[in-house]
Structure formats: structure tokens, C-alpha cells
Amino acid sequence: MISKTIVFVYLPGEVKAVPAGTLTLNQFSNEISSKFIYGSRYTKRHNAIALDPVSLQFKAMVRKPEEEIVPRNNLHLFGAFRDATPDSWGRRVIEKQFHANQLPEVEYIKHSFDDRVGALDFRDTPTSDEKKYPFNRVLNFPYLLDCANKIEHDEPVPDHVLRIFNFGSSMGGARPKAVVEDDFGLWLAKFKAKNDKFNYAKVEHATTRMAHECGIDVPETKIERAADTDIL
């Protein structure tokens, strides 16, 4: 299976992403390889940045026009691109949508939402627009907690529930999570995982508040209680 994806990037100081190049993925059975070509117009931008500081440098070295670049250190995918795709929780949610235990790598890239954390975005064509989605305003935390537990234990859940949790698939990390919205803005709700050995929500909340007291710029956090469980 060979697939091509256009990689977009939000450059420093910009609010609109621009196409940076083409990522080609080759996947046959469990064998995966990839290559990337920078767009010639992108490399001429005065504020263009290297998408991967290890494998995709271009200002510190001479690149030929349309040069095909492969990942270093025998990696099957460039580190920056893999970091921009869903981790274990997001992958589990996407797999539930397809009723599969594992999918080709390109499917995880294509079906993670465009609002992912970070500067990279993946689209079908160089002229594709950024997608906009309404965020989940269902702040019924016992219901969301129950759904997260069902996804973790591979139990059936309705399609509309998967859409709720798919908004969190692009946020990275292994823990169950969903992006929710209230009158004050967007929140990343993080739920208890089945293998937790302590109260991660309270520990992370306390750590964040301690960092704030030390003068470190951190996001606002709060604890919600649902079904005798703490949610961050």
C-alpha cells in the first residue's frame, strides 16, 4: 500500500498553515518505509523551518530540488511526523471506529483531527482547507468516564461516543481523554486508566499548581468528581 499525504505547517507568528511538502508511506504487511519531499516554494520562504531537526534539515545543508529524503537511524517514519500522530489511546479510538485491531499507519494520520497539538497538519492536497469541528459540550462526566472505560476494555460503544473521544485522539499520550467545551473555553478531560496504580489526576493537578507557584507558565487545571473517580 502506497499513500501520499501533504504535510502542512503553522510557521512562527502565522495563524494559517502552509503546505511544506509531500510524505509518502509504503506499507506492505508489517514492513513500513517513508520518504519526504520539500515543496520548492516552501523552502524559499524567509520564515520556513525544518519539519524534523534530525532528518529534514534544509537550511544547514544543500538540498536538490524535489530531493527525496528518508528518515535517519533506520526509522520507518520521521520522528516529527510520528510524534504528530495519535499515541496508544488515540489509536485505540480510531481502531474502534474501523472495528479493527490494527490499521495501516496512514489511517492513523488521516483520521486524527486537524486540531492536534503542535504545528503540523496532514491533508489530502496542497489546496485542502483546514477543517473546523464543533467540540463536545456534553459535560456529563460520569457518562464520559463510563464510555472511556468501555473503549479501554474493548466493549461496544455508540458511534457518536467515538466522535466525542476522537477529538482527543490528536492530543497525544496514552491515557484516556476527550476535548470538551464549556462557557469558559476548551478543556482536555483526562480519565482514569485501567492500570493506574495511584490517583494520577490529583498528582498531575498538584504538580501543575506547584509549577505555577514556582513561576512556570502552565495551563489552568481543575479536578472534577464522577462515580467516585477524579477527572483532571
Protein backbone atom coordinates (compact mmCIF):
# COMPACT_ATOMS: atom_id res chain seq x y z
CA MET A 1 0.00 0.00 0.00
CA ILE A 2 1.46 3.33 -1.10
CA SER A 3 -0.12 6.58 0.06
CA LYS A 4 0.75 10.25 -0.22
CA THR A 5 -0.13 12.96 2.28
CA ILE A 6 0.55 16.69 2.13
CA VAL A 7 2.23 17.97 5.29
CA PHE A 8 1.18 21.47 6.35
CA VAL A 9 2.92 23.58 8.98
CA TYR A 10 1.92 26.61 11.05
CA LEU A 11 5.00 28.80 10.79
CA PRO A 12 6.10 31.05 13.66
CA GLY A 13 3.80 34.04 14.00
CA GLU A 14 1.31 32.71 11.43
CA VAL A 15 -2.30 31.61 12.04
CA LYS A 16 -2.80 29.84 8.71
CA ALA A 17 -0.91 26.68 7.81
CA VAL A 18 1.03 26.39 4.55
CA PRO A 19 1.94 23.24 2.58
CA ALA A 20 5.53 22.21 3.26
CA GLY A 21 5.93 19.02 1.27
CA THR A 22 4.74 15.51 0.44
CA LEU A 23 5.02 12.49 2.73
CA THR A 24 4.92 9.11 1.01
CA LEU A 25 4.24 6.00 3.08
CA ASN A 26 4.92 2.48 1.79
CA GLN A 27 3.36 -0.28 3.88
CA PHE A 28 3.33 -3.91 2.90
CA SER A 29 2.23 -6.26 5.68
CA ASN A 30 4.22 -5.09 8.74
CA GLU A 31 7.02 -3.52 6.70
CA ILE A 32 6.82 0.29 6.65
CA SER A 33 9.04 2.84 4.95
CA SER A 34 8.60 6.51 4.19
CA LYS A 35 10.13 9.40 2.30
CA PHE A 36 9.53 13.13 2.18
CA ILE A 37 9.97 15.83 -0.46
CA TYR A 38 10.01 19.51 0.49
CA GLY A 39 7.98 21.76 -1.78
CA SER A 40 10.19 24.14 -3.73
CA ARG A 41 8.00 27.14 -2.81
CA TYR A 42 8.18 26.25 0.87
CA THR A 43 11.98 26.16 1.07
CA LYS A 44 12.11 29.66 -0.46
CA ARG A 45 10.01 31.18 2.33
CA HIS A 46 12.01 33.51 4.56
CA ASN A 47 10.48 32.01 7.71
CA ALA A 48 10.48 28.36 6.63
CA ILE A 49 11.59 25.88 9.29
CA ALA A 50 12.88 22.32 9.15
CA LEU A 51 9.99 19.98 9.99
CA ASP A 52 12.32 17.48 11.65
CA PRO A 53 15.60 18.79 13.12
CA VAL A 54 17.33 15.44 12.60
CA SER A 55 16.23 14.07 9.23
CA LEU A 56 14.65 17.03 7.46
CA GLN A 57 17.19 19.84 7.71
CA PHE A 58 17.44 22.08 4.67
CA LYS A 59 18.95 25.43 5.68
CA ALA A 60 22.15 23.93 7.09
CA MET A 61 22.75 21.77 4.01
CA VAL A 62 22.25 21.87 0.27
CA ARG A 63 19.09 20.15 -0.91
CA LYS A 64 18.45 19.40 -4.55
CA PRO A 65 15.04 20.39 -5.99
CA GLU A 66 12.50 17.60 -5.37
CA GLU A 67 15.08 15.63 -3.37
CA GLU A 68 13.61 12.52 -1.71
CA ILE A 69 14.61 12.32 1.96
CA VAL A 70 14.35 9.19 4.13
CA PRO A 71 14.40 9.01 7.94
CA ARG A 72 17.74 8.56 9.67
CA ASN A 73 18.69 5.81 12.11
CA ASN A 74 16.62 3.18 10.27
CA LEU A 75 13.33 4.65 11.46
CA HIS A 76 10.27 3.78 9.38
CA LEU A 77 8.75 7.23 9.87
CA PHE A 78 10.24 10.66 10.55
CA GLY A 79 10.24 11.35 14.28
CA ALA A 80 8.37 14.66 13.99
CA PHE A 81 5.59 13.09 11.91
CA ARG A 82 5.22 10.10 14.23
CA ASP A 83 5.05 12.47 17.18
CA ALA A 84 2.21 14.35 15.46
CA THR A 85 0.10 11.20 15.05
CA PRO A 86 -2.05 9.65 17.81
CA ASP A 87 -0.47 7.64 20.61
CA SER A 88 -1.92 4.47 22.10
CA TRP A 89 -5.22 5.97 23.34
CA GLY A 90 -5.94 7.84 20.10
CA ARG A 91 -5.07 4.76 18.07
CA ARG A 92 -7.46 2.66 20.13
CA VAL A 93 -10.29 5.11 19.45
CA ILE A 94 -9.61 5.13 15.70
CA GLU A 95 -9.40 1.33 15.64
CA LYS A 96 -12.80 1.15 17.33
CA GLN A 97 -14.23 3.24 14.50
CA PHE A 98 -12.97 0.73 11.95
CA HIS A 99 -13.72 -2.35 14.11
CA ALA A 100 -10.10 -3.41 13.71
CA ASN A 101 -7.22 -4.34 15.99
CA GLN A 102 -4.61 -2.63 13.84
CA LEU A 103 -4.64 -0.31 10.83
CA PRO A 104 -2.11 0.86 8.23
CA GLU A 105 -0.07 3.77 9.58
CA VAL A 106 -1.59 6.20 7.09
CA GLU A 107 -5.07 5.64 8.57
CA TYR A 108 -3.94 6.93 11.97
CA ILE A 109 -2.56 10.02 10.25
CA LYS A 110 -5.69 10.61 8.15
CA HIS A 111 -8.21 10.09 10.93
CA SER A 112 -6.63 12.09 13.72
CA PHE A 113 -8.23 15.50 13.91
CA ASP A 114 -6.70 18.61 12.37
CA ASP A 115 -6.80 20.42 15.71
CA ARG A 116 -3.91 18.34 17.01
CA VAL A 117 -1.41 19.89 19.38
CA GLY A 118 1.68 21.15 17.58
CA ALA A 119 2.47 22.94 14.33
CA LEU A 120 1.97 20.08 11.85
CA ASP A 121 -1.15 19.10 9.96
CA PHE A 122 -1.84 16.41 7.34
CA ARG A 123 -4.18 16.98 4.40
CA ASP A 124 -5.09 15.31 1.11
CA THR A 125 -4.00 18.06 -1.29
CA PRO A 126 -1.91 21.27 -1.21
CA THR A 127 -5.14 23.29 -1.57
CA SER A 128 -7.14 21.49 1.13
CA ASP A 129 -8.68 23.82 3.71
CA GLU A 130 -8.34 23.44 7.44
CA LYS A 131 -11.29 21.50 8.83
CA LYS A 132 -13.37 23.02 11.62
CA TYR A 133 -15.24 20.89 14.11
CA PRO A 134 -17.76 21.65 16.84
CA PHE A 135 -16.37 20.45 20.15
CA ASN A 136 -18.22 18.25 22.59
CA ARG A 137 -20.32 20.21 25.07
CA VAL A 138 -21.63 17.09 26.82
CA LEU A 139 -20.16 17.73 30.26
CA ASN A 140 -21.77 14.61 31.74
CA PHE A 141 -18.56 13.30 33.27
CA PRO A 142 -20.00 10.02 34.67
CA TYR A 143 -21.23 9.24 31.15
CA LEU A 144 -17.87 10.13 29.55
CA LEU A 145 -15.99 8.15 32.20
CA ASP A 146 -18.15 5.09 31.54
CA CYS A 147 -17.56 5.41 27.79
CA ALA A 148 -13.80 5.76 28.28
CA ASN A 149 -13.80 2.57 30.37
CA LYS A 150 -15.71 0.72 27.67
CA ILE A 151 -13.25 1.81 24.98
CA GLU A 152 -10.31 0.72 27.15
CA HIS A 153 -11.89 -2.69 27.73
CA ASP A 154 -12.80 -3.07 24.04
CA GLU A 155 -16.54 -3.04 24.73
CA PRO A 156 -19.10 -1.76 22.20
CA VAL A 157 -19.85 1.98 22.26
CA PRO A 158 -22.14 4.09 20.03
CA ASP A 159 -20.66 5.91 17.05
CA HIS A 160 -21.49 9.34 18.47
CA VAL A 161 -19.42 8.46 21.55
CA LEU A 162 -16.43 7.61 19.37
CA ARG A 163 -16.76 11.02 17.72
CA ILE A 164 -16.61 12.65 21.14
CA PHE A 165 -13.39 10.84 22.03
CA ASN A 166 -11.86 11.25 18.59
CA PHE A 167 -11.43 14.94 19.41
CA GLY A 168 -8.86 13.83 22.00
CA SER A 169 -7.09 11.36 19.72
CA SER A 170 -4.77 14.05 18.37
CA MET A 171 -3.71 15.32 21.80
CA GLY A 172 -1.03 12.68 22.31
CA GLY A 173 -0.34 10.50 25.31
CA ALA A 174 -1.51 7.05 26.35
CA ARG A 175 -4.23 7.98 28.84
CA PRO A 176 -7.98 8.11 28.06
CA LYS A 177 -9.01 11.67 27.25
CA ALA A 178 -11.54 13.84 25.45
CA VAL A 179 -11.66 17.51 24.48
CA VAL A 180 -14.72 19.22 25.96
CA GLU A 181 -16.01 22.77 25.77
CA ASP A 182 -17.83 24.93 28.28
CA ASP A 183 -18.63 28.64 28.51
CA PHE A 184 -15.02 29.36 29.52
CA GLY A 185 -13.33 27.58 26.60
CA LEU A 186 -11.79 24.21 25.74
CA TRP A 187 -10.60 21.67 28.30
CA LEU A 188 -8.73 18.40 27.94
CA ALA A 189 -10.52 15.93 30.23
CA LYS A 190 -8.21 13.11 31.30
CA PHE A 191 -9.79 9.97 32.76
CA LYS A 192 -8.59 7.14 34.95
CA ALA A 193 -6.84 4.31 33.08
CA LYS A 194 -7.46 0.67 33.93
CA ASN A 195 -3.85 0.04 35.03
CA ASP A 196 -3.44 3.15 37.19
CA LYS A 197 -1.56 2.44 40.42
CA PHE A 198 -2.35 5.79 42.05
CA ASN A 199 -4.54 8.87 41.59
CA TYR A 200 -2.91 10.40 38.51
CA ALA A 201 -5.47 13.22 38.34
CA LYS A 202 -4.68 14.62 41.77
CA VAL A 203 -0.93 14.14 41.36
CA GLU A 204 -0.85 15.88 37.98
CA HIS A 205 -3.08 18.69 39.27
CA ALA A 206 -0.87 19.20 42.34
CA THR A 207 2.28 19.13 40.20
CA THR A 208 0.86 21.72 37.82
CA ARG A 209 -0.16 24.02 40.67
CA MET A 210 3.27 23.65 42.26
CA ALA A 211 4.90 24.61 38.95
CA HIS A 212 2.63 27.66 38.80
CA GLU A 213 3.70 28.71 42.31
CA CYS A 214 7.31 28.46 41.11
CA GLY A 215 6.62 30.98 38.36
CA ILE A 216 6.35 28.50 35.49
CA ASP A 217 3.73 29.24 32.85
CA VAL A 218 1.33 26.26 32.97
CA PRO A 219 -2.29 25.72 31.86
CA GLU A 220 -5.15 26.03 34.30
CA THR A 221 -6.26 22.70 35.76
CA LYS A 222 -9.10 21.56 37.99
CA ILE A 223 -10.47 18.30 39.36
CA GLU A 224 -13.96 17.01 38.57
CA ARG A 225 -15.50 14.16 40.53
CA ALA A 226 -17.56 11.44 38.83
CA ALA A 227 -18.55 7.95 40.04
CA ASP A 228 -16.08 8.13 42.93
CA THR A 229 -13.31 8.88 40.42
CA ASP A 230 -11.24 12.04 39.95
CA ILE A 231 -11.03 13.52 36.45
CA LEU A 232 -8.42 16.13 35.56
